[in-house]
Amino acid sequence: MKLFEYQAKELLKEYGIPIPRSELARNLTEAIAAFRRLPHPVVLKSQVLADLPPSWLRLLSRMRQRCTSR
């Protein structure tokens, strides 16, 4: 059986297995808002194309700057 991550989480929840809260963020603004809403510590899981590391590093840097200045 092949499942998407969100499907696997729903299945685990149905069996009473605790799943950490999560949010989908499509841009920096959404990521910062999610960071502020979620219980800490927060883990960032990214799904980006492998050939875009510079943009990924810029995103992390901007998030770090904005989140530490909250």
PDB file of N, CA and C in Angstrom:
ATOM      1  N   MET A   1       0.840  -1.167   0.000  1.00  0.00           N
ATOM      2  CA  MET A   1       0.000   0.000   0.000  1.00  0.00           C
ATOM      3  C   MET A   1       0.891   1.238   0.000  1.00  0.00           C
ATOM      4  N   LYS A   2       0.631   2.156  -0.918  1.00  0.00           N
ATOM      5  CA  LYS A   2       1.383   3.407  -0.975  1.00  0.00           C
ATOM      6  C   LYS A   2       0.484   4.530  -0.483  1.00  0.00           C
ATOM      7  N   LEU A   3       1.025   5.333   0.418  1.00  0.00           N
ATOM      8  CA  LEU A   3       0.266   6.435   0.996  1.00  0.00           C
ATOM      9  C   LEU A   3       1.063   7.725   0.902  1.00  0.00           C
ATOM     10  N   PHE A   4       0.351   8.828   0.730  1.00  0.00           N
ATOM     11  CA  PHE A   4       0.972  10.131   0.900  1.00  0.00           C
ATOM     12  C   PHE A   4       1.148  10.354   2.400  1.00  0.00           C
ATOM     13  N   GLU A   5       2.026  11.266   2.766  1.00  0.00           N
ATOM     14  CA  GLU A   5       2.285  11.512   4.183  1.00  0.00           C
ATOM     15  C   GLU A   5       1.010  11.889   4.932  1.00  0.00           C
ATOM     16  N   TYR A   6       0.194  12.773   4.358  1.00  0.00           N
ATOM     17  CA  TYR A   6      -1.020  13.190   5.057  1.00  0.00           C
ATOM     18  C   TYR A   6      -1.973  12.017   5.256  1.00  0.00           C
ATOM     19  N   GLN A   7      -2.000  11.072   4.322  1.00  0.00           N
ATOM     20  CA  GLN A   7      -2.853   9.892   4.459  1.00  0.00           C
ATOM     21  C   GLN A   7      -2.342   8.988   5.586  1.00  0.00           C
ATOM     22  N   ALA A   8      -1.040   8.829   5.650  1.00  0.00           N
ATOM     23  CA  ALA A   8      -0.450   8.005   6.712  1.00  0.00           C
ATOM     24  C   ALA A   8      -0.736   8.612   8.082  1.00  0.00           C
ATOM     25  N   LYS A   9      -0.650   9.935   8.186  1.00  0.00           N
ATOM     26  CA  LYS A   9      -0.930  10.597   9.459  1.00  0.00           C
ATOM     27  C   LYS A   9      -2.378  10.376   9.881  1.00  0.00           C
ATOM     28  N   GLU A  10      -3.301  10.481   8.930  1.00  0.00           N
ATOM     29  CA  GLU A  10      -4.712  10.251   9.252  1.00  0.00           C
ATOM     30  C   GLU A  10      -4.934   8.822   9.732  1.00  0.00           C
ATOM     31  N   LEU A  11      -4.290   7.882   9.086  1.00  0.00           N
ATOM     32  CA  LEU A  11      -4.422   6.479   9.470  1.00  0.00           C
ATOM     33  C   LEU A  11      -3.874   6.246  10.882  1.00  0.00           C
ATOM     34  N   LEU A  12      -2.715   6.816  11.170  1.00  0.00           N
ATOM     35  CA  LEU A  12      -2.133   6.675  12.503  1.00  0.00           C
ATOM     36  C   LEU A  12      -3.032   7.296  13.569  1.00  0.00           C
ATOM     37  N   LYS A  13      -3.615   8.461  13.263  1.00  0.00           N
ATOM     38  CA  LYS A  13      -4.529   9.114  14.206  1.00  0.00           C
ATOM     39  C   LYS A  13      -5.733   8.224  14.501  1.00  0.00           C
ATOM     40  N   GLU A  14      -6.250   7.566  13.476  1.00  0.00           N
ATOM     41  CA  GLU A  14      -7.406   6.682  13.654  1.00  0.00           C
ATOM     42  C   GLU A  14      -7.107   5.552  14.637  1.00  0.00           C
ATOM     43  N   TYR A  15      -5.854   5.149  14.718  1.00  0.00           N
ATOM     44  CA  TYR A  15      -5.462   4.083  15.631  1.00  0.00           C
ATOM     45  C   TYR A  15      -4.938   4.615  16.961  1.00  0.00           C
ATOM     46  N   GLY A  16      -5.136   5.900  17.192  1.00  0.00           N
ATOM     47  CA  GLY A  16      -4.769   6.479  18.476  1.00  0.00           C
ATOM     48  C   GLY A  16      -3.302   6.793  18.650  1.00  0.00           C
ATOM     49  N   ILE A  17      -2.549   6.792  17.576  1.00  0.00           N
ATOM     50  CA  ILE A  17      -1.120   7.100  17.659  1.00  0.00           C
ATOM     51  C   ILE A  17      -0.957   8.615  17.555  1.00  0.00           C
ATOM     52  N   PRO A  18      -0.326   9.237  18.556  1.00  0.00           N
ATOM     53  CA  PRO A  18      -0.209  10.695  18.532  1.00  0.00           C
ATOM     54  C   PRO A  18       0.676  11.180  17.386  1.00  0.00           C
ATOM     55  N   ILE A  19       0.225  12.229  16.752  1.00  0.00           N
ATOM     56  CA  ILE A  19       0.934  12.831  15.624  1.00  0.00           C
ATOM     57  C   ILE A  19       1.206  14.296  15.989  1.00  0.00           C
ATOM     58  N   PRO A  20       2.433  14.771  15.814  1.00  0.00           N
ATOM     59  CA  PRO A  20       2.711  16.182  16.106  1.00  0.00           C
ATOM     60  C   PRO A  20       1.868  17.097  15.221  1.00  0.00           C
ATOM     61  N   ARG A  21       1.490  18.238  15.771  1.00  0.00           N
ATOM     62  CA  ARG A  21       0.764  19.229  14.967  1.00  0.00           C
ATOM     63  C   ARG A  21       1.641  19.664  13.813  1.00  0.00           C
ATOM     64  N   SER A  22       1.010  19.960  12.708  1.00  0.00           N
ATOM     65  CA  SER A  22       1.772  20.423  11.546  1.00  0.00           C
ATOM     66  C   SER A  22       0.938  21.416  10.760  1.00  0.00           C
ATOM     67  N   GLU A  23       1.621  22.200   9.960  1.00  0.00           N
ATOM     68  CA  GLU A  23       0.966  23.160   9.082  1.00  0.00           C
ATOM     69  C   GLU A  23       1.721  23.212   7.770  1.00  0.00           C
ATOM     70  N   LEU A  24       0.992  23.475   6.712  1.00  0.00           N
ATOM     71  CA  LEU A  24       1.586  23.661   5.396  1.00  0.00           C
ATOM     72  C   LEU A  24       1.828  25.149   5.192  1.00  0.00           C
ATOM     73  N   ALA A  25       3.047  25.498   4.822  1.00  0.00           N
ATOM     74  CA  ALA A  25       3.390  26.888   4.527  1.00  0.00           C
ATOM     75  C   ALA A  25       3.946  26.932   3.111  1.00  0.00           C
ATOM     76  N   ARG A  26       3.360  27.757   2.283  1.00  0.00           N
ATOM     77  CA  ARG A  26       3.773  27.837   0.877  1.00  0.00           C
ATOM     78  C   ARG A  26       4.746  28.982   0.603  1.00  0.00           C
ATOM     79  N   ASN A  27       4.978  29.827   1.610  1.00  0.00           N
ATOM     80  CA  ASN A  27       5.913  30.934   1.424  1.00  0.00           C
ATOM     81  C   ASN A  27       6.429  31.370   2.798  1.00  0.00           C
ATOM     82  N   LEU A  28       7.304  32.327   2.790  1.00  0.00           N
ATOM     83  CA  LEU A  28       7.938  32.766   4.033  1.00  0.00           C
ATOM     84  C   LEU A  28       6.930  33.330   5.025  1.00  0.00           C
ATOM     85  N   THR A  29       5.988  34.121   4.554  1.00  0.00           N
ATOM     86  CA  THR A  29       4.988  34.710   5.445  1.00  0.00           C
ATOM     87  C   THR A  29       4.177  33.629   6.144  1.00  0.00           C
ATOM     88  N   GLU A  30       3.737  32.627   5.396  1.00  0.00           N
ATOM     89  CA  GLU A  30       2.978  31.522   5.984  1.00  0.00           C
ATOM     90  C   GLU A  30       3.844  30.712   6.950  1.00  0.00           C
ATOM     91  N   ALA A  31       5.122  30.540   6.626  1.00  0.00           N
ATOM     92  CA  ALA A  31       6.023  29.781   7.498  1.00  0.00           C
ATOM     93  C   ALA A  31       6.209  30.489   8.832  1.00  0.00           C
ATOM     94  N   ILE A  32       6.366  31.794   8.804  1.00  0.00           N
ATOM     95  CA  ILE A  32       6.542  32.551  10.044  1.00  0.00           C
ATOM     96  C   ILE A  32       5.263  32.522  10.876  1.00  0.00           C
ATOM     97  N   ALA A  33       4.116  32.651  10.226  1.00  0.00           N
ATOM     98  CA  ALA A  33       2.838  32.584  10.951  1.00  0.00           C
ATOM     99  C   ALA A  33       2.668  31.211  11.605  1.00  0.00           C
ATOM    100  N   ALA A  34       3.011  30.160  10.887  1.00  0.00           N
ATOM    101  CA  ALA A  34       2.914  28.804  11.444  1.00  0.00           C
ATOM    102  C   ALA A  34       3.872  28.648  12.618  1.00  0.00           C
ATOM    103  N   PHE A  35       5.073  29.180  12.481  1.00  0.00           N
ATOM    104  CA  PHE A  35       6.067  29.125  13.559  1.00  0.00           C
ATOM    105  C   PHE A  35       5.509  29.742  14.839  1.00  0.00           C
ATOM    106  N   ARG A  36       4.801  30.834  14.698  1.00  0.00           N
ATOM    107  CA  ARG A  36       4.259  31.525  15.871  1.00  0.00           C
ATOM    108  C   ARG A  36       3.069  30.784  16.484  1.00  0.00           C
ATOM    109  N   ARG A  37       2.331  30.040  15.671  1.00  0.00           N
ATOM    110  CA  ARG A  37       1.154  29.311  16.176  1.00  0.00           C
ATOM    111  C   ARG A  37       1.498  27.961  16.794  1.00  0.00           C
ATOM    112  N   LEU A  38       2.520  27.302  16.272  1.00  0.00           N
ATOM    113  CA  LEU A  38       2.826  25.937  16.704  1.00  0.00           C
ATOM    114  C   LEU A  38       3.562  25.925  18.040  1.00  0.00           C
ATOM    115  N   PRO A  39       3.370  24.847  18.821  1.00  0.00           N
ATOM    116  CA  PRO A  39       4.136  24.722  20.060  1.00  0.00           C
ATOM    117  C   PRO A  39       5.618  24.510  19.739  1.00  0.00           C
ATOM    118  N   HIS A  40       6.468  25.025  20.597  1.00  0.00           N
ATOM    119  CA  HIS A  40       7.911  24.929  20.356  1.00  0.00           C
ATOM    120  C   HIS A  40       8.498  23.776  21.141  1.00  0.00           C
ATOM    121  N   PRO A  41       9.571  23.177  20.681  1.00  0.00           N
ATOM    122  CA  PRO A  41      10.357  23.524  19.503  1.00  0.00           C
ATOM    123  C   PRO A  41       9.618  23.166  18.212  1.00  0.00           C
ATOM    124  N   VAL A  42      10.001  23.860  17.149  1.00  0.00           N
ATOM    125  CA  VAL A  42       9.395  23.677  15.833  1.00  0.00           C
ATOM    126  C   VAL A  42      10.418  23.041  14.910  1.00  0.00           C
ATOM    127  N   VAL A  43       9.962  22.135  14.074  1.00  0.00           N
ATOM    128  CA  VAL A  43      10.814  21.503  13.069  1.00  0.00           C
ATOM    129  C   VAL A  43      10.310  21.923  11.702  1.00  0.00           C
ATOM    130  N   LEU A  44      11.224  22.336  10.838  1.00  0.00           N
ATOM    131  CA  LEU A  44      10.868  22.708   9.474  1.00  0.00           C
ATOM    132  C   LEU A  44      11.201  21.550   8.552  1.00  0.00           C
ATOM    133  N   LYS A  45      10.219  21.072   7.842  1.00  0.00           N
ATOM    134  CA  LYS A  45      10.428  20.007   6.864  1.00  0.00           C
ATOM    135  C   LYS A  45      10.135  20.607   5.498  1.00  0.00           C
ATOM    136  N   SER A  46      11.122  20.602   4.652  1.00  0.00           N
ATOM    137  CA  SER A  46      10.980  21.227   3.345  1.00  0.00           C
ATOM    138  C   SER A  46      10.846  20.196   2.242  1.00  0.00           C
ATOM    139  N   GLN A  47      10.065  20.554   1.256  1.00  0.00           N
ATOM    140  CA  GLN A  47       9.982  19.751   0.044  1.00  0.00           C
ATOM    141  C   GLN A  47      10.270  20.695  -1.117  1.00  0.00           C
ATOM    142  N   VAL A  48      11.533  20.719  -1.512  1.00  0.00           N
ATOM    143  CA  VAL A  48      11.963  21.588  -2.601  1.00  0.00           C
ATOM    144  C   VAL A  48      12.718  20.750  -3.616  1.00  0.00           C
ATOM    145  N   LEU A  49      12.850  21.283  -4.801  1.00  0.00           N
ATOM    146  CA  LEU A  49      13.633  20.597  -5.819  1.00  0.00           C
ATOM    147  C   LEU A  49      15.096  20.562  -5.403  1.00  0.00           C
ATOM    148  N   ALA A  50      15.765  19.478  -5.678  1.00  0.00           N
ATOM    149  CA  ALA A  50      17.153  19.294  -5.254  1.00  0.00           C
ATOM    150  C   ALA A  50      18.100  20.307  -5.878  1.00  0.00           C
ATOM    151  N   ASP A  51      17.734  20.882  -7.012  1.00  0.00           N
ATOM    152  CA  ASP A  51      18.655  21.809  -7.676  1.00  0.00           C
ATOM    153  C   ASP A  51      18.436  23.262  -7.253  1.00  0.00           C
ATOM    154  N   LEU A  52      17.772  23.501  -6.123  1.00  0.00           N
ATOM    155  CA  LEU A  52      17.524  24.861  -5.668  1.00  0.00           C
ATOM    156  C   LEU A  52      18.107  25.171  -4.285  1.00  0.00           C
ATOM    157  N   PRO A  53      19.289  24.660  -3.939  1.00  0.00           N
ATOM    158  CA  PRO A  53      19.798  24.914  -2.590  1.00  0.00           C
ATOM    159  C   PRO A  53      20.002  26.381  -2.251  1.00  0.00           C
ATOM    160  N   PRO A  54      20.422  27.271  -3.179  1.00  0.00           N
ATOM    161  CA  PRO A  54      20.589  28.673  -2.779  1.00  0.00           C
ATOM    162  C   PRO A  54      19.280  29.305  -2.295  1.00  0.00           C
ATOM    163  N   SER A  55      18.170  29.013  -2.962  1.00  0.00           N
ATOM    164  CA  SER A  55      16.904  29.597  -2.525  1.00  0.00           C
ATOM    165  C   SER A  55      16.488  29.025  -1.177  1.00  0.00           C
ATOM    166  N   TRP A  56      16.776  27.763  -0.950  1.00  0.00           N
ATOM    167  CA  TRP A  56      16.466  27.120   0.325  1.00  0.00           C
ATOM    168  C   TRP A  56      17.262  27.770   1.446  1.00  0.00           C
ATOM    169  N   LEU A  57      18.532  28.016   1.208  1.00  0.00           N
ATOM    170  CA  LEU A  57      19.364  28.646   2.231  1.00  0.00           C
ATOM    171  C   LEU A  57      18.908  30.074   2.512  1.00  0.00           C
ATOM    172  N   ARG A  58      18.486  30.796   1.472  1.00  0.00           N
ATOM    173  CA  ARG A  58      17.968  32.154   1.684  1.00  0.00           C
ATOM    174  C   ARG A  58      16.701  32.113   2.539  1.00  0.00           C
ATOM    175  N   LEU A  59      15.821  31.149   2.255  1.00  0.00           N
ATOM    176  CA  LEU A  59      14.591  31.019   3.036  1.00  0.00           C
ATOM    177  C   LEU A  59      14.909  30.750   4.502  1.00  0.00           C
ATOM    178  N   LEU A  60      15.808  29.819   4.764  1.00  0.00           N
ATOM    179  CA  LEU A  60      16.180  29.518   6.152  1.00  0.00           C
ATOM    180  C   LEU A  60      16.766  30.741   6.848  1.00  0.00           C
ATOM    181  N   SER A  61      17.613  31.458   6.150  1.00  0.00           N
ATOM    182  CA  SER A  61      18.236  32.638   6.727  1.00  0.00           C
ATOM    183  C   SER A  61      17.182  33.694   7.067  1.00  0.00           C
ATOM    184  N   ARG A  62      16.249  33.937   6.142  1.00  0.00           N
ATOM    185  CA  ARG A  62      15.201  34.931   6.384  1.00  0.00           C
ATOM    186  C   ARG A  62      14.283  34.498   7.521  1.00  0.00           C
ATOM    187  N   MET A  63      13.958  33.212   7.572  1.00  0.00           N
ATOM    188  CA  MET A  63      13.111  32.723   8.666  1.00  0.00           C
ATOM    189  C   MET A  63      13.811  32.898  10.002  1.00  0.00           C
ATOM    190  N   ARG A  64      15.089  32.548  10.051  1.00  0.00           N
ATOM    191  CA  ARG A  64      15.839  32.673  11.301  1.00  0.00           C
ATOM    192  C   ARG A  64      15.836  34.126  11.774  1.00  0.00           C
ATOM    193  N   GLN A  65      16.096  35.061  10.853  1.00  0.00           N
ATOM    194  CA  GLN A  65      16.130  36.474  11.217  1.00  0.00           C
ATOM    195  C   GLN A  65      14.783  36.949  11.747  1.00  0.00           C
ATOM    196  N   ARG A  66      13.712  36.603  11.050  1.00  0.00           N
ATOM    197  CA  ARG A  66      12.385  37.076  11.460  1.00  0.00           C
ATOM    198  C   ARG A  66      11.895  36.401  12.732  1.00  0.00           C
ATOM    199  N   CYS A  67      12.188  35.125  12.880  1.00  0.00           N
ATOM    200  CA  CYS A  67      11.688  34.398  14.053  1.00  0.00           C
ATOM    201  C   CYS A  67      12.435  34.779  15.320  1.00  0.00           C
ATOM    202  N   THR A  68      13.702  35.102  15.202  1.00  0.00           N
ATOM    203  CA  THR A  68      14.457  35.480  16.397  1.00  0.00           C
ATOM    204  C   THR A  68      14.161  36.916  16.810  1.00  0.00           C
ATOM    205  N   SER A  69      13.564  37.694  15.917  1.00  0.00           N
ATOM    206  CA  SER A  69      13.235  39.082  16.258  1.00  0.00           C
ATOM    207  C   SER A  69      11.784  39.225  16.704  1.00  0.00           C
ATOM    208  N   ARG A  70      11.101  38.117  16.959  1.00  0.00           N
ATOM    209  CA  ARG A  70       9.674  38.190  17.324  1.00  0.00           C
ATOM    210  C   ARG A  70       9.432  38.702  18.702  1.00  0.00           C
TER     211      ARG A  70
END
